[in-house]
C-alpha atoms as a PDB file:
ATOM      1  CA  MET A   1     112.055  89.640 104.175  1.00  0.00           C
ATOM      2  CA  MET A   2     115.364  90.998 102.836  1.00  0.00           C
ATOM      3  CA  GLY A   3     116.804  93.956 105.010  1.00  0.00           C
ATOM      4  CA  PHE A   4     115.915  97.413 104.130  1.00  0.00           C
ATOM      5  CA  THR A   5     119.697  98.740 104.409  1.00  0.00           C
ATOM      6  CA  LYS A   6     120.419  95.753 101.904  1.00  0.00           C
ATOM      7  CA  ALA A   7     117.341  97.149  99.834  1.00  0.00           C
ATOM      8  CA  LEU A   8     118.531 100.401  99.941  1.00  0.00           C
ATOM      9  CA  ILE A   9     121.838  99.795  99.190  1.00  0.00           C
ATOM     10  CA  GLY A  10     121.366  97.407  96.417  1.00  0.00           C
ATOM     11  CA  SER A  11     118.704  98.596  94.343  1.00  0.00           C
ATOM     12  CA  PHE A  12     120.859 100.508  92.483  1.00  0.00           C
ATOM     13  CA  VAL A  13     122.995  97.578  92.251  1.00  0.00           C
ATOM     14  CA  LEU A  14     122.518  96.457  88.058  1.00  0.00           C
ATOM     15  CA  LEU A  15     122.952  93.132  86.919  1.00  0.00           C
ATOM     16  CA  ILE A  16     126.426  93.609  84.836  1.00  0.00           C
ATOM     17  CA  GLY A  17     127.531  91.988  81.186  1.00  0.00           C
ATOM     18  CA  SER A  18     124.823  89.847  78.903  1.00  0.00           C
ATOM     19  CA  VAL A  19     121.952  91.271  81.073  1.00  0.00           C
ATOM     20  CA  ALA A  20     122.692  94.702  81.859  1.00  0.00           C
ATOM     21  CA  PHE A  21     119.382  96.868  81.963  1.00  0.00           C
ATOM     22  CA  ALA A  22     118.865 100.139  83.643  1.00  0.00           C
ATOM     23  CA  GLN A  23     116.921 100.463  86.478  1.00  0.00           C
ATOM     24  CA  GLY A  24     112.992 100.163  85.924  1.00  0.00           C
ATOM     25  CA  TRP A  25     111.905 103.342  87.686  1.00  0.00           C
ATOM     26  CA  PRO A  26     108.357 103.933  87.835  1.00  0.00           C
ATOM     27  CA  SER A  27     106.179 107.173  86.345  1.00  0.00           C
ATOM     28  CA  THR A  28     104.025 106.352  89.138  1.00  0.00           C
ATOM     29  CA  SER A  29     104.807 106.115  92.788  1.00  0.00           C
ATOM     30  CA  VAL A  30     104.072 102.821  94.535  1.00  0.00           C
ATOM     31  CA  LEU A  31     101.489 105.107  97.146  1.00  0.00           C
ATOM     32  CA  ASP A  32      99.811 106.532  94.664  1.00  0.00           C
ATOM     33  CA  LEU A  33      98.478 103.202  94.416  1.00  0.00           C
ATOM     34  CA  SER A  34      96.902 102.797  97.740  1.00  0.00           C
ATOM     35  CA  TYR A  35      96.258 106.261  98.878  1.00  0.00           C
ATOM     36  CA  ARG A  36      94.402 109.279  97.068  1.00  0.00           C
ATOM     37  CA  ILE A  37      96.665 112.281  96.957  1.00  0.00           C
ATOM     38  CA  ASP A  38      93.794 115.038  95.569  1.00  0.00           C
ATOM     39  CA  ARG A  39      91.839 115.070  98.503  1.00  0.00           C
ATOM     40  CA  PRO A  40      88.191 116.227  98.269  1.00  0.00           C
ATOM     41  CA  ASN A  41      87.365 120.006  99.932  1.00  0.00           C
ATOM     42  CA  TYR A  42      84.922 119.135 102.245  1.00  0.00           C
ATOM     43  CA  PRO A  43      85.562 117.808 105.079  1.00  0.00           C
ATOM     44  CA  VAL A  44      85.189 114.754 107.130  1.00  0.00           C
ATOM     45  CA  ALA A  45      83.602 115.554 109.603  1.00  0.00           C
ATOM     46  CA  ALA A  46      82.206 118.004 112.014  1.00  0.00           C
ATOM     47  CA  TYR A  47      82.304 118.557 115.728  1.00  0.00           C
ATOM     48  CA  ARG A  48      80.437 120.447 118.069  1.00  0.00           C
ATOM     49  CA  ASN A  49      79.979 120.404 122.179  1.00  0.00           C
ATOM     50  CA  ILE A  50      83.448 119.944 122.777  1.00  0.00           C
ATOM     51  CA  SER A  51      86.503 122.732 123.854  1.00  0.00           C
ATOM     52  CA  VAL A  52      88.873 123.260 121.562  1.00  0.00           C
ATOM     53  CA  SER A  53      91.652 121.840 123.242  1.00  0.00           C
ATOM     54  CA  GLY A  54      89.281 118.598 123.544  1.00  0.00           C
ATOM     55  CA  PHE A  55      89.387 118.848 120.078  1.00  0.00           C
ATOM     56  CA  ARG A  56      92.982 118.617 119.727  1.00  0.00           C
ATOM     57  CA  SER A  57      93.663 116.310 122.207  1.00  0.00           C
ATOM     58  CA  MET A  58      91.248 113.531 120.456  1.00  0.00           C
ATOM     59  CA  VAL A  59      92.627 114.369 117.193  1.00  0.00           C
ATOM     60  CA  ARG A  60      96.161 113.378 118.735  1.00  0.00           C
ATOM     61  CA  LYS A  61      95.542 111.084 120.493  1.00  0.00           C
ATOM     62  CA  ALA A  62      93.913 109.179 117.504  1.00  0.00           C
ATOM     63  CA  PHE A  63      97.147 109.537 115.438  1.00  0.00           C
ATOM     64  CA  GLN A  64      99.807 108.833 118.524  1.00  0.00           C
ATOM     65  CA  ALA A  65      97.272 105.608 118.737  1.00  0.00           C
ATOM     66  CA  SER A  66      98.193 104.232 115.050  1.00  0.00           C
ATOM     67  CA  GLY A  67     102.074 104.846 115.011  1.00  0.00           C
ATOM     68  CA  PHE A  68     102.414 108.368 114.732  1.00  0.00           C
ATOM     69  CA  THR A  69     104.446 111.015 117.060  1.00  0.00           C
ATOM     70  CA  PHE A  70     103.075 113.978 117.087  1.00  0.00           C
ATOM     71  CA  VAL A  71     105.316 117.830 115.721  1.00  0.00           C
ATOM     72  CA  SER A  72     103.062 120.007 116.381  1.00  0.00           C
ATOM     73  CA  VAL A  73      99.584 122.286 116.415  1.00  0.00           C
ATOM     74  CA  ASP A  74      99.777 125.583 114.463  1.00  0.00           C
ATOM     75  CA  GLU A  75      97.289 128.186 114.215  1.00  0.00           C
ATOM     76  CA  GLN A  76      97.214 129.184 110.181  1.00  0.00           C
ATOM     77  CA  LYS A  77      96.792 133.228 109.259  1.00  0.00           C
ATOM     78  CA  ASP A  78      93.938 132.133 107.444  1.00  0.00           C
ATOM     79  CA  ARG A  79      92.450 130.407 110.888  1.00  0.00           C
ATOM     80  CA  SER A  80      93.029 127.166 109.783  1.00  0.00           C
ATOM     81  CA  THR A  81      94.620 124.516 112.172  1.00  0.00           C
ATOM     82  CA  ILE A  82      97.442 122.499 111.022  1.00  0.00           C
ATOM     83  CA  PHE A  83      98.549 119.076 113.121  1.00  0.00           C
ATOM     84  CA  ARG A  84     101.594 117.838 112.298  1.00  0.00           C
ATOM     85  CA  PHE A  85     102.882 114.423 112.617  1.00  0.00           C
ATOM     86  CA  SER A  86     105.682 111.950 111.725  1.00  0.00           C
ATOM     87  CA  TYR A  87     105.651 108.309 111.225  1.00  0.00           C
ATOM     88  CA  ASN A  88     107.677 106.002 113.163  1.00  0.00           C
ATOM     89  CA  ALA A  89     108.040 103.636 110.246  1.00  0.00           C
ATOM     90  CA  ASP A  90     111.567 101.845 111.735  1.00  0.00           C
ATOM     91  CA  LEU A  91     112.330 100.649 108.862  1.00  0.00           C
ATOM     92  CA  LYS A  92     116.050 102.334 108.406  1.00  0.00           C
ATOM     93  CA  MET A  93     115.665 104.251 105.155  1.00  0.00           C
ATOM     94  CA  GLY A  94     116.218 107.396 106.778  1.00  0.00           C
ATOM     95  CA  LEU A  95     113.136 108.955 105.859  1.00  0.00           C
ATOM     96  CA  LYS A  96     109.991 109.836 108.393  1.00  0.00           C
ATOM     97  CA  PRO A  97     106.495 110.070 106.765  1.00  0.00           C
ATOM     98  CA  GLU A  98     105.405 113.732 107.240  1.00  0.00           C
ATOM     99  CA  VAL A  99     101.569 113.593 107.641  1.00  0.00           C
ATOM    100  CA  PHE A 100      99.838 116.631 107.651  1.00  0.00           C
ATOM    101  CA  LEU A 101      95.894 117.652 108.291  1.00  0.00           C
ATOM    102  CA  SER A 102      94.323 120.481 108.717  1.00  0.00           C
ATOM    103  CA  ALA A 103      90.825 121.745 110.737  1.00  0.00           C
ATOM    104  CA  ASP A 104      88.534 124.689 110.399  1.00  0.00           C
ATOM    105  CA  GLU A 105      87.686 125.807 114.197  1.00  0.00           C
ATOM    106  CA  LEU A 106      84.725 128.054 114.578  1.00  0.00           C
ATOM    107  CA  LEU A 107      84.672 128.805 117.826  1.00  0.00           C
ATOM    108  CA  ASN A 108      81.748 130.429 120.180  1.00  0.00           C
ATOM    109  CA  GLY A 109      81.928 132.820 122.933  1.00  0.00           C
ATOM    110  CA  LYS A 110      83.167 129.866 125.593  1.00  0.00           C
ATOM    111  CA  LYS A 111      86.041 128.461 123.516  1.00  0.00           C
ATOM    112  CA  GLY A 112      83.872 125.610 121.816  1.00  0.00           C
ATOM    113  CA  CYS A 113      83.631 123.823 118.264  1.00  0.00           C
ATOM    114  CA  ASP A 114      80.743 125.314 116.820  1.00  0.00           C
ATOM    115  CA  PRO A 115      81.956 123.378 114.719  1.00  0.00           C
ATOM    116  CA  CYS A 116      85.477 122.245 114.663  1.00  0.00           C
ATOM    117  CA  PHE A 117      85.761 120.903 110.788  1.00  0.00           C
ATOM    118  CA  LEU A 118      88.557 117.986 110.568  1.00  0.00           C
ATOM    119  CA  ARG A 119      89.770 117.473 106.675  1.00  0.00           C
ATOM    120  CA  PHE A 120      92.121 114.883 105.399  1.00  0.00           C
ATOM    121  CA  ALA A 121      95.355 114.102 106.037  1.00  0.00           C
ATOM    122  CA  GLN A 122      97.908 114.792 103.421  1.00  0.00           C
ATOM    123  CA  ILE A 123     101.617 113.058 103.313  1.00  0.00           C
ATOM    124  CA  LYS A 124     103.551 115.989 103.009  1.00  0.00           C
ATOM    125  CA  ASN A 125     106.672 114.659 102.398  1.00  0.00           C
ATOM    126  CA  ILE A 126     105.596 112.372  99.173  1.00  0.00           C
ATOM    127  CA  ALA A 127     107.815 113.713  96.565  1.00  0.00           C
ATOM    128  CA  GLU A 128     110.746 112.399  99.169  1.00  0.00           C
ATOM    129  CA  ILE A 129     109.385 109.158  99.243  1.00  0.00           C
ATOM    130  CA  ARG A 130     109.220 108.791  95.479  1.00  0.00           C
ATOM    131  CA  THR A 131     112.383 109.185  95.616  1.00  0.00           C
ATOM    132  CA  LEU A 132     113.065 105.456  97.736  1.00  0.00           C
ATOM    133  CA  PRO A 133     113.517 102.061  95.286  1.00  0.00           C
ATOM    134  CA  TRP A 134     110.062 101.186  94.381  1.00  0.00           C
ATOM    135  CA  MET A 135     110.193  97.733  96.557  1.00  0.00           C
ATOM    136  CA  ALA A 136     111.124 100.419  99.503  1.00  0.00           C
ATOM    137  CA  GLN A 137     107.595 101.909  99.136  1.00  0.00           C
ATOM    138  CA  TYR A 138     105.689  98.871  98.844  1.00  0.00           C
ATOM    139  CA  ASP A 139     107.218  98.238 102.623  1.00  0.00           C
ATOM    140  CA  LEU A 140     106.092 101.912 103.729  1.00  0.00           C
ATOM    141  CA  SER A 141     102.958 102.309 102.198  1.00  0.00           C
ATOM    142  CA  ALA A 142     101.909  98.638 103.582  1.00  0.00           C
ATOM    143  CA  LEU A 143     102.335 100.324 106.970  1.00  0.00           C
ATOM    144  CA  LEU A 144     101.887 104.088 106.531  1.00  0.00           C
ATOM    145  CA  VAL A 145      98.358 103.699 104.660  1.00  0.00           C
ATOM    146  CA  PRO A 146      96.768 101.302 107.291  1.00  0.00           C
ATOM    147  CA  ALA A 147      97.692 103.812 109.898  1.00  0.00           C
ATOM    148  CA  ILE A 148      96.163 106.409 108.454  1.00  0.00           C
ATOM    149  CA  ASP A 149      93.083 104.525 108.021  1.00  0.00           C
ATOM    150  CA  GLN A 150      93.523 103.529 112.152  1.00  0.00           C
ATOM    151  CA  ALA A 151      94.055 106.602 112.773  1.00  0.00           C
ATOM    152  CA  TYR A 152      90.567 108.399 111.133  1.00  0.00           C
ATOM    153  CA  SER A 153      89.028 105.131 112.513  1.00  0.00           C
ATOM    154  CA  ILE A 154      89.497 105.834 116.132  1.00  0.00           C
ATOM    155  CA  LEU A 155      88.538 109.136 115.671  1.00  0.00           C
ATOM    156  CA  GLU A 156      85.182 107.986 114.021  1.00  0.00           C
ATOM    157  CA  SER A 157      83.948 105.657 116.618  1.00  0.00           C
ATOM    158  CA  GLY A 158      85.641 108.199 119.331  1.00  0.00           C
ATOM    159  CA  GLY A 159      84.280 111.120 118.281  1.00  0.00           C
ATOM    160  CA  ARG A 160      80.907 110.010 117.934  1.00  0.00           C
ATOM    161  CA  GLU A 161      79.646 112.446 121.310  1.00  0.00           C
ATOM    162  CA  HIS A 162      80.806 115.324 119.658  1.00  0.00           C
ATOM    163  CA  SER A 163      80.504 114.433 115.805  1.00  0.00           C
ATOM    164  CA  ASP A 164      77.896 116.278 114.586  1.00  0.00           C
ATOM    165  CA  PRO A 165      74.816 114.178 113.277  1.00  0.00           C
ATOM    166  CA  SER A 166      73.873 116.164 110.469  1.00  0.00           C
ATOM    167  CA  TYR A 167      77.024 116.082 109.275  1.00  0.00           C
ATOM    168  CA  GLY A 168      78.503 112.669 109.053  1.00  0.00           C
ATOM    169  CA  PHE A 169      81.843 110.937 108.656  1.00  0.00           C
ATOM    170  CA  ASN A 170      83.133 111.304 105.696  1.00  0.00           C
ATOM    171  CA  TYR A 171      86.695 109.482 105.624  1.00  0.00           C
ATOM    172  CA  LYS A 172      86.535 105.935 103.524  1.00  0.00           C
ATOM    173  CA  ARG A 173      89.315 103.823 103.840  1.00  0.00           C
ATOM    174  CA  GLN A 174      92.200 103.863 101.466  1.00  0.00           C
ATOM    175  CA  TRP A 175      93.765 100.760 102.005  1.00  0.00           C
ATOM    176  CA  ALA A 176      92.339  97.763 100.329  1.00  0.00           C
ATOM    177  CA  GLY A 177      95.633  95.691  99.956  1.00  0.00           C
ATOM    178  CA  GLU A 178      98.646  96.053  97.415  1.00  0.00           C
ATOM    179  CA  ARG A 179      98.889  96.258  93.411  1.00  0.00           C
ATOM    180  CA  ASN A 180     101.597  95.881  91.635  1.00  0.00           C
ATOM    181  CA  LEU A 181     102.946  99.122  89.416  1.00  0.00           C
ATOM    182  CA  PHE A 182     103.054  96.458  86.265  1.00  0.00           C
ATOM    183  CA  GLY A 183     102.271  92.937  87.089  1.00  0.00           C
ATOM    184  CA  ASN A 184     102.968  90.073  89.293  1.00  0.00           C
ATOM    185  CA  SER A 185     105.748  90.902  91.426  1.00  0.00           C
ATOM    186  CA  PHE A 186     109.067  88.352  92.246  1.00  0.00           C
ATOM    187  CA  ALA A 187     111.995  89.022  94.481  1.00  0.00           C
ATOM    188  CA  GLY A 188     114.457  86.563  95.609  1.00  0.00           C
ATOM    189  CA  ILE A 189     115.343  85.366  91.995  1.00  0.00           C
ATOM    190  CA  SER A 190     117.711  86.115  89.442  1.00  0.00           C
ATOM    191  CA  LEU A 191     116.569  88.214  86.694  1.00  0.00           C
ATOM    192  CA  SER A 192     118.363  85.047  84.560  1.00  0.00           C
ATOM    193  CA  LYS A 193     116.746  82.654  86.128  1.00  0.00           C
ATOM    194  CA  LEU A 194     113.335  84.124  85.904  1.00  0.00           C
ATOM    195  CA  LYS A 195     113.927  85.010  82.426  1.00  0.00           C
ATOM    196  CA  GLU A 196     114.874  81.060  82.059  1.00  0.00           C
ATOM    197  CA  SER A 197     111.524  80.343  83.529  1.00  0.00           C
ATOM    198  CA  VAL A 198     109.263  82.691  81.920  1.00  0.00           C
ATOM    199  CA  VAL A 199     110.849  81.798  78.843  1.00  0.00           C
ATOM    200  CA  SER A 200     110.196  77.865  79.508  1.00  0.00           C
ATOM    201  CA  SER A 201     106.977  78.513  80.421  1.00  0.00           C
ATOM    202  CA  TYR A 202     105.685  80.146  77.182  1.00  0.00           C
ATOM    203  CA  ARG A 203     107.963  77.880  75.778  1.00  0.00           C
ATOM    204  CA  ASN A 204     106.099  74.778  76.469  1.00  0.00           C
ATOM    205  CA  ALA A 205     102.707  76.220  76.096  1.00  0.00           C
ATOM    206  CA  GLY A 206     103.453  76.563  72.501  1.00  0.00           C
ATOM    207  CA  PHE A 207     104.290  79.907  72.170  1.00  0.00           C
ATOM    208  CA  ILE A 208     108.030  80.364  70.248  1.00  0.00           C
ATOM    209  CA  PRO A 209     110.533  82.542  71.137  1.00  0.00           C
ATOM    210  CA  ILE A 210     112.456  85.154  69.544  1.00  0.00           C
ATOM    211  CA  GLU A 211     115.451  86.717  69.585  1.00  0.00           C
ATOM    212  CA  GLY A 212     115.285  90.217  69.912  1.00  0.00           C
ATOM    213  CA  ASP A 213     117.743  93.110  70.254  1.00  0.00           C
ATOM    214  CA  THR A 214     118.151  94.084  73.977  1.00  0.00           C
ATOM    215  CA  ASP A 215     118.573  98.225  74.495  1.00  0.00           C
ATOM    216  CA  PRO A 216     121.141  98.482  77.360  1.00  0.00           C
ATOM    217  CA  LYS A 217     119.249 101.954  78.136  1.00  0.00           C
ATOM    218  CA  SER A 218     115.892 100.656  78.203  1.00  0.00           C
ATOM    219  CA  SER A 219     114.091 100.144  81.972  1.00  0.00           C
ATOM    220  CA  TYR A 220     112.975  96.922  80.965  1.00  0.00           C
ATOM    221  CA  LEU A 221     113.630  93.384  79.120  1.00  0.00           C
ATOM    222  CA  GLU A 222     111.199  92.769  76.828  1.00  0.00           C
ATOM    223  CA  LEU A 223     110.557  88.943  75.493  1.00  0.00           C
ATOM    224  CA  ILE A 224     109.737  88.584  71.987  1.00  0.00           C
ATOM    225  CA  PHE A 225     107.447  85.358  70.952  1.00  0.00           C
ATOM    226  CA  SER A 226     105.404  84.364  67.990  1.00  0.00           C
ATOM    227  CA  PHE A 227     102.372  82.407  68.296  1.00  0.00           C
ATOM    228  CA  PRO A 228     101.632  79.733  65.594  1.00  0.00           C
ATOM    229  CA  ILE A 229      98.372  81.194  63.409  1.00  0.00           C
ATOM    230  CA  ASP A 230      98.413  78.325  60.832  1.00  0.00           C
ATOM    231  CA  PRO A 231     100.828  75.522  61.487  1.00  0.00           C
ATOM    232  CA  PRO A 232     103.112  74.029  60.085  1.00  0.00           C
ATOM    233  CA  LYS A 233     103.594  77.799  58.684  1.00  0.00           C
ATOM    234  CA  ASP A 234     106.147  80.205  60.699  1.00  0.00           C
ATOM    235  CA  SER A 235     104.555  83.195  60.426  1.00  0.00           C
ATOM    236  CA  GLY A 236     102.775  84.239  63.796  1.00  0.00           C
ATOM    237  CA  ALA A 237     101.319  86.641  66.540  1.00  0.00           C
ATOM    238  CA  ILE A 238     103.735  88.580  67.795  1.00  0.00           C
ATOM    239  CA  TYR A 239     103.104  88.644  71.638  1.00  0.00           C
ATOM    240  CA  LYS A 240     105.474  89.943  73.917  1.00  0.00           C
ATOM    241  CA  VAL A 241     106.464  90.453  77.794  1.00  0.00           C
ATOM    242  CA  ARG A 242     108.214  92.477  79.684  1.00  0.00           C
ATOM    243  CA  ILE A 243     110.166  92.453  82.893  1.00  0.00           C
ATOM    244  CA  HIS A 244     110.742  95.887  84.610  1.00  0.00           C
ATOM    245  CA  SER A 245     113.378  95.287  86.936  1.00  0.00           C
ATOM    246  CA  GLN A 246     115.459  96.379  90.760  1.00  0.00           C
ATOM    247  CA  PHE A 247     117.882  94.441  92.626  1.00  0.00           C
ATOM    248  CA  ASP A 248     119.314  93.975  95.912  1.00  0.00           C
ATOM    249  CA  ALA A 249     122.901  93.845  97.153  1.00  0.00           C
ATOM    250  CA  ASP A 250     123.455  90.176  95.655  1.00  0.00           C
ATOM    251  CA  GLY A 251     121.889  91.114  92.274  1.00  0.00           C
ATOM    252  CA  ASN A 252     118.392  89.636  92.776  1.00  0.00           C
ATOM    253  CA  CYS A 253     115.448  90.720  91.758  1.00  0.00           C
ATOM    254  CA  HIS A 254     113.774  93.594  94.382  1.00  0.00           C
ATOM    255  CA  PRO A 255     111.411  93.125  92.936  1.00  0.00           C
ATOM    256  CA  CYS A 256     111.027  92.321  89.371  1.00  0.00           C
ATOM    257  CA  GLU A 257     107.919  92.887  87.379  1.00  0.00           C
ATOM    258  CA  LEU A 258     106.013  90.974  84.521  1.00  0.00           C
ATOM    259  CA  VAL A 259     103.414  92.481  82.548  1.00  0.00           C
ATOM    260  CA  GLU A 260     102.127  91.014  79.523  1.00  0.00           C
ATOM    261  CA  GLN A 261     102.574  93.525  76.365  1.00  0.00           C
ATOM    262  CA  TYR A 262     101.355  92.246  72.396  1.00  0.00           C
ATOM    263  CA  ASN A 263      98.371  93.627  70.809  1.00  0.00           C
ATOM    264  CA  PRO A 264      95.162  92.235  70.013  1.00  0.00           C
ATOM    265  CA  TYR A 265      94.728  94.071  66.909  1.00  0.00           C
ATOM    266  CA  GLN A 266      97.799  93.229  65.051  1.00  0.00           C
ATOM    267  CA  GLN A 267      97.328  92.602  60.979  1.00  0.00           C
ATOM    268  CA  LEU A 268      97.531  88.890  60.868  1.00  0.00           C
ATOM    269  CA  PRO A 269      99.084  87.081  57.865  1.00  0.00           C
ATOM    270  CA  PRO A 270      96.294  85.839  55.282  1.00  0.00           C
ATOM    271  CA  ALA A 271      94.883  82.715  55.780  1.00  0.00           C
ATOM    272  CA  GLY A 272      95.111  81.194  52.359  1.00  0.00           C
ATOM    273  CA  PHE A 273      91.824  78.827  51.889  1.00  0.00           C
ATOM    274  CA  ALA A 274      94.287  76.118  54.134  1.00  0.00           C
ATOM    275  CA  GLY A 275      93.960  78.194  56.539  1.00  0.00           C
ATOM    276  CA  ILE A 276      90.538  79.102  57.620  1.00  0.00           C
ATOM    277  CA  LEU A 277      90.183  76.361  59.841  1.00  0.00           C
ATOM    278  CA  ASN A 278      92.786  77.654  62.114  1.00  0.00           C
ATOM    279  CA  ARG A 279      91.528  80.859  62.215  1.00  0.00           C
ATOM    280  CA  ALA A 280      88.369  79.843  63.796  1.00  0.00           C
ATOM    281  CA  THR A 281      90.093  77.894  66.257  1.00  0.00           C
ATOM    282  CA  LEU A 282      92.600  81.014  66.920  1.00  0.00           C
ATOM    283  CA  GLU A 283      91.260  82.271  69.673  1.00  0.00           C
ATOM    284  CA  SER A 284      90.398  79.157  71.584  1.00  0.00           C
ATOM    285  CA  ARG A 285      93.845  77.998  71.117  1.00  0.00           C
ATOM    286  CA  PHE A 286      95.858  81.207  72.308  1.00  0.00           C
ATOM    287  CA  THR A 287      93.488  81.473  74.920  1.00  0.00           C
ATOM    288  CA  ALA A 288      94.453  77.796  75.983  1.00  0.00           C
ATOM    289  CA  ALA A 289      97.980  78.595  75.329  1.00  0.00           C
ATOM    290  CA  ARG A 290      98.078  82.038  76.958  1.00  0.00           C
ATOM    291  CA  ASP A 291      96.376  80.046  80.403  1.00  0.00           C
ATOM    292  CA  ALA A 292      98.992  77.201  80.255  1.00  0.00           C
ATOM    293  CA  ALA A 293     102.045  79.688  80.372  1.00  0.00           C
ATOM    294  CA  TYR A 294     100.770  81.614  83.130  1.00  0.00           C
ATOM    295  CA  GLU A 295      99.647  78.458  84.754  1.00  0.00           C
ATOM    296  CA  GLY A 296     103.496  77.722  84.567  1.00  0.00           C
ATOM    297  CA  LEU A 297     104.343  80.957  85.778  1.00  0.00           C
ATOM    298  CA  ARG A 298     102.398  80.401  88.824  1.00  0.00           C
ATOM    299  CA  THR A 299     104.070  76.571  89.561  1.00  0.00           C
ATOM    300  CA  GLY A 300     107.382  77.818  89.042  1.00  0.00           C
ATOM    301  CA  LEU A 301     107.534  80.792  90.646  1.00  0.00           C
ATOM    302  CA  GLN A 302     105.173  81.020  93.236  1.00  0.00           C
ATOM    303  CA  GLY A 303     107.954  80.707  96.367  1.00  0.00           C
ATOM    304  CA  TYR A 304     109.362  83.801  94.306  1.00  0.00           C
ATOM    305  CA  LEU A 305     106.155  86.485  94.810  1.00  0.00           C
ATOM    306  CA  ARG A 306     106.899  88.952  96.397  1.00  0.00           C
ATOM    307  CA  PRO A 307     105.761  89.644 100.350  1.00  0.00           C
ATOM    308  CA  ARG A 308     102.211  90.472 100.973  1.00  0.00           C
ATOM    309  CA  SER A 309     101.952  89.847  96.616  1.00  0.00           C
ATOM    310  CA  GLY A 310      99.841  87.565  95.081  1.00  0.00           C
ATOM    311  CA  PHE A 311     100.036  85.629  91.745  1.00  0.00           C
ATOM    312  CA  SER A 312      97.004  87.137  88.908  1.00  0.00           C
ATOM    313  CA  ILE A 313      96.526  86.649  85.271  1.00  0.00           C
ATOM    314  CA  PRO A 314      94.792  89.768  83.691  1.00  0.00           C
ATOM    315  CA  PRO A 315      92.112  90.024  81.528  1.00  0.00           C
ATOM    316  CA  LYS A 316      92.585  89.808  77.750  1.00  0.00           C
ATOM    317  CA  PRO A 317      92.138  92.972  76.111  1.00  0.00           C
ATOM    318  CA  ALA A 318      90.106  91.788  73.034  1.00  0.00           C
ATOM    319  CA  ALA A 319      90.329  88.520  70.943  1.00  0.00           C
ATOM    320  CA  LEU A 320      93.257  88.066  69.113  1.00  0.00           C
ATOM    321  CA  GLY A 321      93.169  89.169  65.176  1.00  0.00           C
ATOM    322  CA  SER A 322      89.853  90.930  66.313  1.00  0.00           C
ATOM    323  CA  PRO A 323      89.460  94.261  64.658  1.00  0.00           C
ATOM    324  CA  PRO A 324      90.492  97.625  65.639  1.00  0.00           C
ATOM    325  CA  PRO A 325      87.841  99.655  67.424  1.00  0.00           C
ATOM    326  CA  PRO A 326      86.786 103.012  65.458  1.00  0.00           C
ATOM    327  CA  VAL A 327      88.584 105.926  66.211  1.00  0.00           C
ATOM    328  CA  THR A 328      86.702 108.501  68.048  1.00  0.00           C
ATOM    329  CA  PRO A 329      86.610 111.415  65.872  1.00  0.00           C
ATOM    330  CA  PRO A 330      87.222 114.583  68.357  1.00  0.00           C
ATOM    331  CA  ALA A 331      84.624 116.860  69.378  1.00  0.00           C
ATOM    332  CA  VAL A 332      83.736 119.456  67.746  1.00  0.00           C
ATOM    333  CA  THR A 333      83.376 122.938  69.948  1.00  0.00           C
END
């Protein structure tokens, strides 16, 4: 894996010349894909028959055992308690995730929990994390979110003796593997080589490349193809592939992600009498060609898949040439 220092510096390097594109900063944070930021109002668990100092020690040790550094525990004016931790990512990115979690400590006369409610962890500096290059966000989230899950797993198993059985433990594991922001994700390959591989895979599958105007201010590169509808006529269905790009110091993808962009409801040219048979087989021909193109991409680019990611074929939204879905009328109030 490329070093994070290289990634942080190189992610701002653009390929200059005939392929110059703006950074494809996503509107959604990578972390948002794997960790639900909006926490529910109800607590994770309730604890009884444990001193408040024992409760705080249990929480602190669970997070420390999961790679967090304890910062402080502070009592708030609203009588809630805030635990503050930092995460030892050790990714040389100059940013340590800050994780806060709150508790409502309802105590009896002996300063014992009666009960103490534990709530969900919040990543407090999420805005700073969103400013990181999105490859760095992938690597950070792959460490941070499982660490939060592990801390709650320790609390669930280690705190059973004092857990209120009538309340239960309401934390659900957040990490379910990585999901790419856009589509299939590749690293360590030049954009020109990636583009060449994409165009070759689709051409070999029967798509016809169409030259398009490249907007140097765009955050992505768009490749346009035509899929023959009535061979040997030139007219065809328009099919697009977008490449969202971010680069390392050597100008290679770090990462570049492919996403399919086409309108299955696009209006097709008139078939004519001779083209009726071709229209009857259009969907099967398009499906076979699309599958062949993706198989070519898988074969040619498997070695460049972003670490921890896999290759996938997205489901088709609808059959090519389908009538557009009816417009839902606005609700009358």
